[in-house]
Amino acid sequence: MKFGILYTPISLEHRPDGYHPENPGRLKRAVEGLKKAGLWKNVIEPEAVQEKELLRVHDGEYVELVKELGRSFDYLDPDTYVSPGTFNAARHAFGAVKKAVELVLDEKGLYLALVRPPGHHAGRKGRAFNAPTLGFCIFNNAAYAAKLLEGLTGKALVIDFDAHHGNGTQEILWNDSDVVHIDLHERDIYPGSGYEYEIGGKGAEGTKVNIPMPHYSGDDDYIYAWNEVVLPIVAQFKPDVIIVSAGFDGFHGDGLTTLRLSEVFYAYAGTTLARYPLTVVLEGGYSVGLEKGLPAFMAGYLSKERLEVPVHPSFETLNTVERIKEILGEWWEF
């Protein structure tokens, strides 16, 4: 199975002034985790995209705001900083995604864009769906991957399993009937969106699939929802490439949510996607999730061995999944 990692030290130049959970140490932890797992191989250094590429998914005024504020250290909002290295790091993140998409179309397999700053909360003009902040994100890497694939006549499906709803990705793709966006996340936390009834704009209904999981959900709950909702939609849509917005902040003990996922869910998710070419884009994850969840997902995919995991989901998870099936049953068979 072919795989590669798109990475550049330029990603470390997006730096906070003092402590911030989204910091260069995140990538260092991810790299260490991959090295320990024997997966730090086939590393390719991407080039930055031209500035006009940012306009595929963002308005020019927002791009200019990020560039201007980033001439010195500043904040876009109380959560989200920009620094002198941010704009260059973000253009290299898009470059990593672009190269990953090109490689996955040519060679299949898995290509990981190990990038910062993250992107799935960034909408076309910045904050999306009335979110209070940008949630550490600058430009939307996953939405850019989807738009690239469309332009290359590839059939794209996005799966986002970051613990927080990918509201920016949803906003950018809201009216796009050609891209399916499936989002698993913890319910009723930042950014305050991603509920079952959010199914897409006019003409794109059913292509936006939200799975808001109960607080304290663990592997059993996520694997159940994955089997009952995610995999049937993937099988029916038959994408040429799956874009994974890969956040690992749902890992038990990672720090920002109540979710209790372990290597079991991430490895299982990887094994079930092994028949599809993947462009994997790093989103959240701030400590142990990066060290253990990311290698587990990649190793699961590369093993090509389908795990059989008996599960016992909570009553709340069973109810959530049933609601989703009722809402989306007009467009998908479950």
Protein backbone atom coordinates (compact mmCIF):
# COMPACT_ATOMS: atom_id res chain seq x y z
CA MET A 1 0.00 0.00 0.00
CA LYS A 2 1.49 3.33 -1.05
CA PHE A 3 1.65 6.19 1.40
CA GLY A 4 3.47 9.46 1.87
CA ILE A 5 3.71 12.35 4.31
CA LEU A 6 3.65 15.96 3.13
CA TYR A 7 5.55 17.97 5.73
CA THR A 8 7.70 21.09 5.97
CA PRO A 9 9.36 22.75 8.99
CA ILE A 10 7.81 26.00 7.70
CA SER A 11 4.61 24.80 9.40
CA LEU A 12 6.34 25.49 12.72
CA GLU A 13 6.64 29.20 11.93
CA HIS A 14 2.99 29.84 12.81
CA ARG A 15 3.75 30.65 16.46
CA PRO A 16 1.83 32.00 19.47
CA ASP A 17 3.19 34.72 21.74
CA GLY A 18 3.12 32.76 24.98
CA TYR A 19 1.10 29.64 25.71
CA HIS A 20 -1.59 28.55 23.28
CA PRO A 21 -2.90 24.98 22.70
CA GLU A 22 -2.36 25.36 18.94
CA ASN A 23 1.43 25.63 18.87
CA PRO A 24 4.42 24.18 16.96
CA GLY A 25 4.81 21.46 19.57
CA ARG A 26 1.72 19.78 18.14
CA LEU A 27 3.54 18.76 14.98
CA LYS A 28 6.58 17.67 16.94
CA ARG A 29 4.37 15.31 18.97
CA ALA A 30 2.76 13.98 15.80
CA VAL A 31 6.16 13.34 14.21
CA GLU A 32 7.40 11.56 17.33
CA GLY A 33 4.30 9.36 17.37
CA LEU A 34 4.78 8.43 13.73
CA LYS A 35 8.47 7.70 14.29
CA LYS A 36 7.72 5.39 17.24
CA ALA A 37 5.21 3.53 15.07
CA GLY A 38 7.74 3.15 12.24
CA LEU A 39 5.61 5.34 9.97
CA TRP A 40 7.89 8.34 9.47
CA LYS A 41 8.69 7.41 5.86
CA ASN A 42 8.29 8.79 2.36
CA VAL A 43 8.37 12.38 3.61
CA ILE A 44 7.91 14.95 0.86
CA GLU A 45 8.45 18.67 1.36
CA PRO A 46 5.65 20.66 -0.31
CA GLU A 47 5.91 24.04 -2.00
CA ALA A 48 3.69 27.01 -1.17
CA VAL A 49 0.73 27.67 -3.43
CA GLN A 50 0.30 31.05 -5.07
CA GLU A 51 -1.93 33.43 -3.16
CA LYS A 52 -4.69 33.15 -5.77
CA GLU A 53 -5.23 29.52 -4.74
CA LEU A 54 -6.57 30.71 -1.38
CA LEU A 55 -9.40 32.41 -3.28
CA ARG A 56 -10.81 29.04 -4.34
CA VAL A 57 -12.35 28.77 -0.87
CA HIS A 58 -11.99 32.22 0.75
CA ASP A 59 -12.99 35.80 -0.03
CA GLY A 60 -10.21 38.19 -0.96
CA GLU A 61 -11.00 40.53 1.95
CA TYR A 62 -10.49 37.76 4.48
CA VAL A 63 -7.22 36.68 2.86
CA GLU A 64 -5.98 40.28 2.97
CA LEU A 65 -6.99 40.60 6.64
CA VAL A 66 -4.97 37.53 7.59
CA LYS A 67 -1.98 38.78 5.60
CA GLU A 68 -2.08 42.30 7.05
CA LEU A 69 -2.61 41.30 10.67
CA GLY A 70 0.15 38.72 10.35
CA ARG A 71 2.80 41.34 9.59
CA SER A 72 3.22 41.38 13.36
CA PHE A 73 1.73 39.20 16.10
CA ASP A 74 -2.01 39.80 16.43
CA TYR A 75 -5.36 38.09 16.97
CA LEU A 76 -8.18 37.49 14.49
CA ASP A 77 -10.39 36.82 17.53
CA PRO A 78 -9.87 35.81 21.18
CA ASP A 79 -9.02 32.19 20.19
CA THR A 80 -7.10 32.61 16.97
CA TYR A 81 -3.73 34.30 16.53
CA VAL A 82 -1.65 35.25 13.51
CA SER A 83 2.11 35.74 13.53
CA PRO A 84 4.73 36.80 10.97
CA GLY A 85 5.09 33.15 9.92
CA THR A 86 1.39 32.39 9.62
CA PHE A 87 0.68 33.38 6.01
CA ASN A 88 3.67 31.46 4.65
CA ALA A 89 2.84 28.41 6.77
CA ALA A 90 -0.78 28.52 5.55
CA ARG A 91 0.26 28.74 1.89
CA HIS A 92 2.55 25.74 2.44
CA ALA A 93 -0.36 23.89 4.09
CA PHE A 94 -2.39 24.42 0.92
CA GLY A 95 0.66 23.29 -1.05
CA ALA A 96 0.83 20.09 0.99
CA VAL A 97 -2.85 19.43 0.32
CA LYS A 98 -2.44 20.13 -3.39
CA LYS A 99 0.47 17.70 -3.67
CA ALA A 100 -1.38 15.08 -1.61
CA VAL A 101 -4.39 15.29 -3.94
CA GLU A 102 -2.21 14.98 -7.03
CA LEU A 103 -0.36 11.98 -5.61
CA VAL A 104 -3.46 10.17 -4.43
CA LEU A 105 -5.11 10.52 -7.86
CA ASP A 106 -1.99 9.18 -9.58
CA GLU A 107 -0.90 6.49 -7.15
CA LYS A 108 -3.86 5.71 -4.84
CA GLY A 109 -2.93 4.85 -1.25
CA LEU A 110 -2.80 7.35 1.63
CA TYR A 111 -1.15 10.77 1.62
CA LEU A 112 -1.02 12.70 4.88
CA ALA A 113 -0.81 16.50 4.83
CA LEU A 114 0.82 17.06 8.23
CA VAL A 115 0.13 20.77 8.41
CA ARG A 116 -0.48 23.81 10.56
CA PRO A 117 -2.42 26.04 10.96
CA PRO A 118 -5.54 23.83 10.99
CA GLY A 119 -8.51 24.79 8.85
CA HIS A 120 -11.90 23.14 9.28
CA HIS A 121 -13.48 26.02 11.27
CA ALA A 122 -12.50 28.62 8.65
CA GLY A 123 -15.40 29.64 6.41
CA ARG A 124 -15.34 31.66 3.25
CA LYS A 125 -15.15 35.00 5.12
CA GLY A 126 -13.65 33.69 8.35
CA ARG A 127 -16.08 32.68 11.09
CA ALA A 128 -18.76 30.30 9.81
CA PHE A 129 -22.35 29.50 10.86
CA ASN A 130 -22.35 32.15 13.59
CA ALA A 131 -19.42 30.56 15.42
CA PRO A 132 -18.00 32.77 18.17
CA THR A 133 -14.43 32.45 16.84
CA LEU A 134 -12.30 30.75 14.19
CA GLY A 135 -11.25 28.08 16.69
CA PHE A 136 -7.48 28.29 15.94
CA CYS A 137 -8.05 27.90 12.16
CA ILE A 138 -6.86 30.20 9.33
CA PHE A 139 -7.58 28.77 5.85
CA ASN A 140 -9.65 25.67 5.10
CA ASN A 141 -7.32 22.93 3.92
CA ALA A 142 -9.97 20.19 3.58
CA ALA A 143 -12.40 22.35 1.59
CA TYR A 144 -9.51 23.29 -0.71
CA ALA A 145 -8.81 19.57 -1.25
CA ALA A 146 -12.46 19.00 -2.16
CA LYS A 147 -12.45 21.88 -4.65
CA LEU A 148 -9.22 20.63 -6.22
CA LEU A 149 -10.69 17.18 -6.68
CA GLU A 150 -13.80 18.62 -8.30
CA GLY A 151 -11.60 20.56 -10.70
CA LEU A 152 -9.71 17.40 -11.55
CA THR A 153 -13.03 15.59 -12.17
CA GLY A 154 -12.56 13.45 -9.08
CA LYS A 155 -15.57 12.48 -6.97
CA ALA A 156 -14.86 13.77 -3.46
CA LEU A 157 -16.22 12.81 -0.06
CA VAL A 158 -15.05 14.49 3.15
CA ILE A 159 -15.07 12.70 6.51
CA ASP A 160 -14.30 14.89 9.52
CA PHE A 161 -13.81 13.07 12.83
CA ASP A 162 -12.28 15.95 14.74
CA ALA A 163 -14.05 16.32 18.11
CA HIS A 164 -15.45 19.69 17.00
CA HIS A 165 -17.82 20.28 14.11
CA GLY A 166 -16.12 21.37 10.87
CA ASN A 167 -18.39 24.36 10.45
CA GLY A 168 -16.12 26.13 7.97
CA THR A 169 -15.96 23.10 5.69
CA GLN A 170 -19.72 22.73 5.91
CA GLU A 171 -20.29 26.39 5.03
CA ILE A 172 -17.96 26.36 2.02
CA LEU A 173 -19.49 23.13 0.68
CA TRP A 174 -23.08 23.84 1.84
CA ASN A 175 -24.57 24.36 -1.63
CA ASP A 176 -22.25 21.96 -3.44
CA SER A 177 -24.30 18.89 -4.33
CA ASP A 178 -21.27 17.10 -5.77
CA VAL A 179 -19.34 16.81 -2.48
CA VAL A 180 -20.57 14.75 0.46
CA HIS A 181 -19.39 15.99 3.85
CA ILE A 182 -19.80 13.64 6.82
CA ASP A 183 -18.94 15.09 10.22
CA LEU A 184 -18.70 13.18 13.53
CA HIS A 185 -18.19 15.42 16.55
CA GLU A 186 -19.17 16.01 20.16
CA ARG A 187 -22.62 17.53 20.56
CA ASP A 188 -23.29 20.97 22.11
CA ILE A 189 -19.71 22.23 22.29
CA TYR A 190 -17.79 24.79 20.20
CA PRO A 191 -18.63 25.92 17.51
CA GLY A 192 -22.33 25.40 18.29
CA SER A 193 -23.34 23.83 14.98
CA GLY A 194 -23.41 20.43 13.31
CA TYR A 195 -26.84 19.14 14.29
CA GLU A 196 -28.70 16.32 12.58
CA TYR A 197 -31.04 18.63 10.69
CA GLU A 198 -28.17 20.49 8.94
CA ILE A 199 -28.32 18.58 5.65
CA GLY A 200 -27.14 21.03 2.97
CA GLY A 201 -28.42 23.99 1.01
CA LYS A 202 -31.10 24.10 -1.66
CA GLY A 203 -30.32 21.52 -4.30
CA ALA A 204 -27.66 19.90 -2.10
CA GLU A 205 -29.92 18.38 0.54
CA GLY A 206 -28.64 15.12 1.94
CA THR A 207 -25.01 15.74 1.01
CA LYS A 208 -24.15 17.23 4.41
CA VAL A 209 -24.29 14.58 7.12
CA ASN A 210 -23.86 15.53 10.77
CA ILE A 211 -23.41 13.01 13.57
CA PRO A 212 -23.40 14.95 16.86
CA MET A 213 -22.23 12.40 19.43
CA PRO A 214 -23.22 12.44 23.12
CA HIS A 215 -20.78 13.70 25.74
CA TYR A 216 -18.41 11.02 27.05
CA SER A 217 -18.79 8.88 23.92
CA GLY A 218 -16.15 6.18 23.57
CA ASP A 219 -14.98 3.67 21.00
CA ASP A 220 -18.20 1.61 21.11
CA ASP A 221 -20.33 4.66 20.38
CA TYR A 222 -18.16 5.96 17.55
CA ILE A 223 -17.71 2.57 15.90
CA TYR A 224 -21.47 2.00 16.02
CA ALA A 225 -22.20 5.38 14.38
CA TRP A 226 -19.41 4.73 11.86
CA ASN A 227 -20.88 1.36 10.87
CA GLU A 228 -24.49 2.51 10.79
CA VAL A 229 -24.14 5.90 9.06
CA VAL A 230 -20.67 6.62 7.68
CA LEU A 231 -19.86 3.37 5.88
CA PRO A 232 -23.27 2.95 4.18
CA ILE A 233 -23.08 6.47 2.75
CA VAL A 234 -19.49 5.97 1.57
CA ALA A 235 -20.46 2.69 -0.11
CA GLN A 236 -23.42 4.30 -1.91
CA PHE A 237 -21.58 7.44 -2.99
CA LYS A 238 -18.51 5.56 -4.30
CA PRO A 239 -15.99 8.42 -4.07
CA ASP A 240 -12.82 8.47 -6.14
CA VAL A 241 -10.98 9.93 -3.14
CA ILE A 242 -11.90 10.40 0.50
CA ILE A 243 -10.60 13.52 2.22
CA VAL A 244 -10.20 12.93 5.94
CA SER A 245 -10.27 15.98 8.21
CA ALA A 246 -8.28 14.13 10.82
CA GLY A 247 -8.56 15.61 14.29
CA PHE A 248 -7.43 13.56 17.28
CA ASP A 249 -8.75 15.74 20.09
CA GLY A 250 -11.42 13.12 20.81
CA PHE A 251 -8.72 10.82 22.19
CA HIS A 252 -9.24 10.16 25.91
CA GLY A 253 -7.08 12.62 27.82
CA ASP A 254 -6.16 14.87 24.90
CA GLY A 255 -7.54 17.82 26.80
CA LEU A 256 -10.30 19.82 25.12
CA THR A 257 -13.39 17.56 25.07
CA THR A 258 -15.16 14.87 27.09
CA LEU A 259 -14.79 12.17 24.41
CA ARG A 260 -13.07 8.95 25.41
CA LEU A 261 -11.76 7.48 22.20
CA SER A 262 -8.68 5.25 22.03
CA GLU A 263 -6.48 3.68 19.39
CA VAL A 264 -9.27 1.16 18.81
CA PHE A 265 -11.61 3.60 17.06
CA TYR A 266 -8.92 5.28 14.98
CA ALA A 267 -7.40 1.97 13.87
CA TYR A 268 -10.87 0.62 13.07
CA ALA A 269 -11.73 3.70 11.01
CA GLY A 270 -8.48 3.29 9.10
CA THR A 271 -9.09 -0.38 8.31
CA THR A 272 -12.59 0.29 7.00
CA LEU A 273 -11.34 2.94 4.56
CA ALA A 274 -8.46 0.84 3.19
CA ARG A 275 -10.16 0.21 -0.17
CA TYR A 276 -10.33 3.97 -0.91
CA PRO A 277 -7.56 6.43 -1.79
CA LEU A 278 -7.19 8.92 1.06
CA THR A 279 -6.00 12.50 1.38
CA VAL A 280 -5.63 12.97 5.14
CA VAL A 281 -5.43 16.54 6.46
CA LEU A 282 -4.44 17.19 10.07
CA GLU A 283 -6.93 19.23 12.11
CA GLY A 284 -7.04 19.15 15.92
CA GLY A 285 -5.29 17.05 18.54
CA TYR A 286 -3.13 18.64 21.18
CA SER A 287 -1.31 15.95 23.16
CA VAL A 288 -1.81 12.18 23.46
CA GLY A 289 -4.22 12.09 20.51
CA LEU A 290 -1.45 13.12 18.13
CA GLU A 291 1.02 10.66 19.64
CA LYS A 292 -1.32 7.65 19.60
CA GLY A 293 -4.44 8.35 17.53
CA LEU A 294 -2.73 9.49 14.33
CA PRO A 295 -0.35 6.49 14.09
CA ALA A 296 -3.24 4.12 14.91
CA PHE A 297 -5.34 5.50 12.06
CA MET A 298 -2.51 5.26 9.55
CA ALA A 299 -1.43 1.81 10.69
CA GLY A 300 -5.03 0.59 10.49
CA TYR A 301 -5.33 1.81 6.91
CA LEU A 302 -2.00 0.36 5.84
CA SER A 303 -2.65 -3.03 7.47
CA LYS A 304 -5.62 -3.68 5.14
CA GLU A 305 -6.96 -6.03 7.82
CA ARG A 306 -10.61 -5.41 8.67
CA LEU A 307 -10.97 -5.37 12.44
CA GLU A 308 -14.02 -7.00 13.97
CA VAL A 309 -14.98 -5.02 17.06
CA PRO A 310 -18.13 -5.99 18.97
CA VAL A 311 -19.70 -2.84 20.35
CA HIS A 312 -22.17 -1.83 23.04
CA PRO A 313 -23.22 1.76 22.33
CA SER A 314 -25.02 3.93 24.85
CA PHE A 315 -28.76 4.54 24.75
CA GLU A 316 -28.06 8.17 23.75
CA THR A 317 -25.92 7.00 20.83
CA LEU A 318 -28.62 4.61 19.64
CA ASN A 319 -31.15 7.46 19.70
CA THR A 320 -28.80 9.81 17.86
CA VAL A 321 -28.17 7.32 15.08
CA GLU A 322 -31.88 6.59 14.69
CA ARG A 323 -32.63 10.32 14.34
CA ILE A 324 -29.97 10.68 11.68
CA LYS A 325 -31.35 7.72 9.72
CA GLU A 326 -34.85 9.16 9.86
CA ILE A 327 -33.71 12.56 8.62
CA LEU A 328 -31.40 11.28 5.88
CA GLY A 329 -33.44 8.28 4.80
CA GLU A 330 -34.85 10.32 1.92
CA TRP A 331 -31.41 10.36 0.28
CA TRP A 332 -29.52 7.32 1.64
CA GLU A 333 -30.32 3.69 2.39
CA PHE A 334 -29.41 2.45 5.86
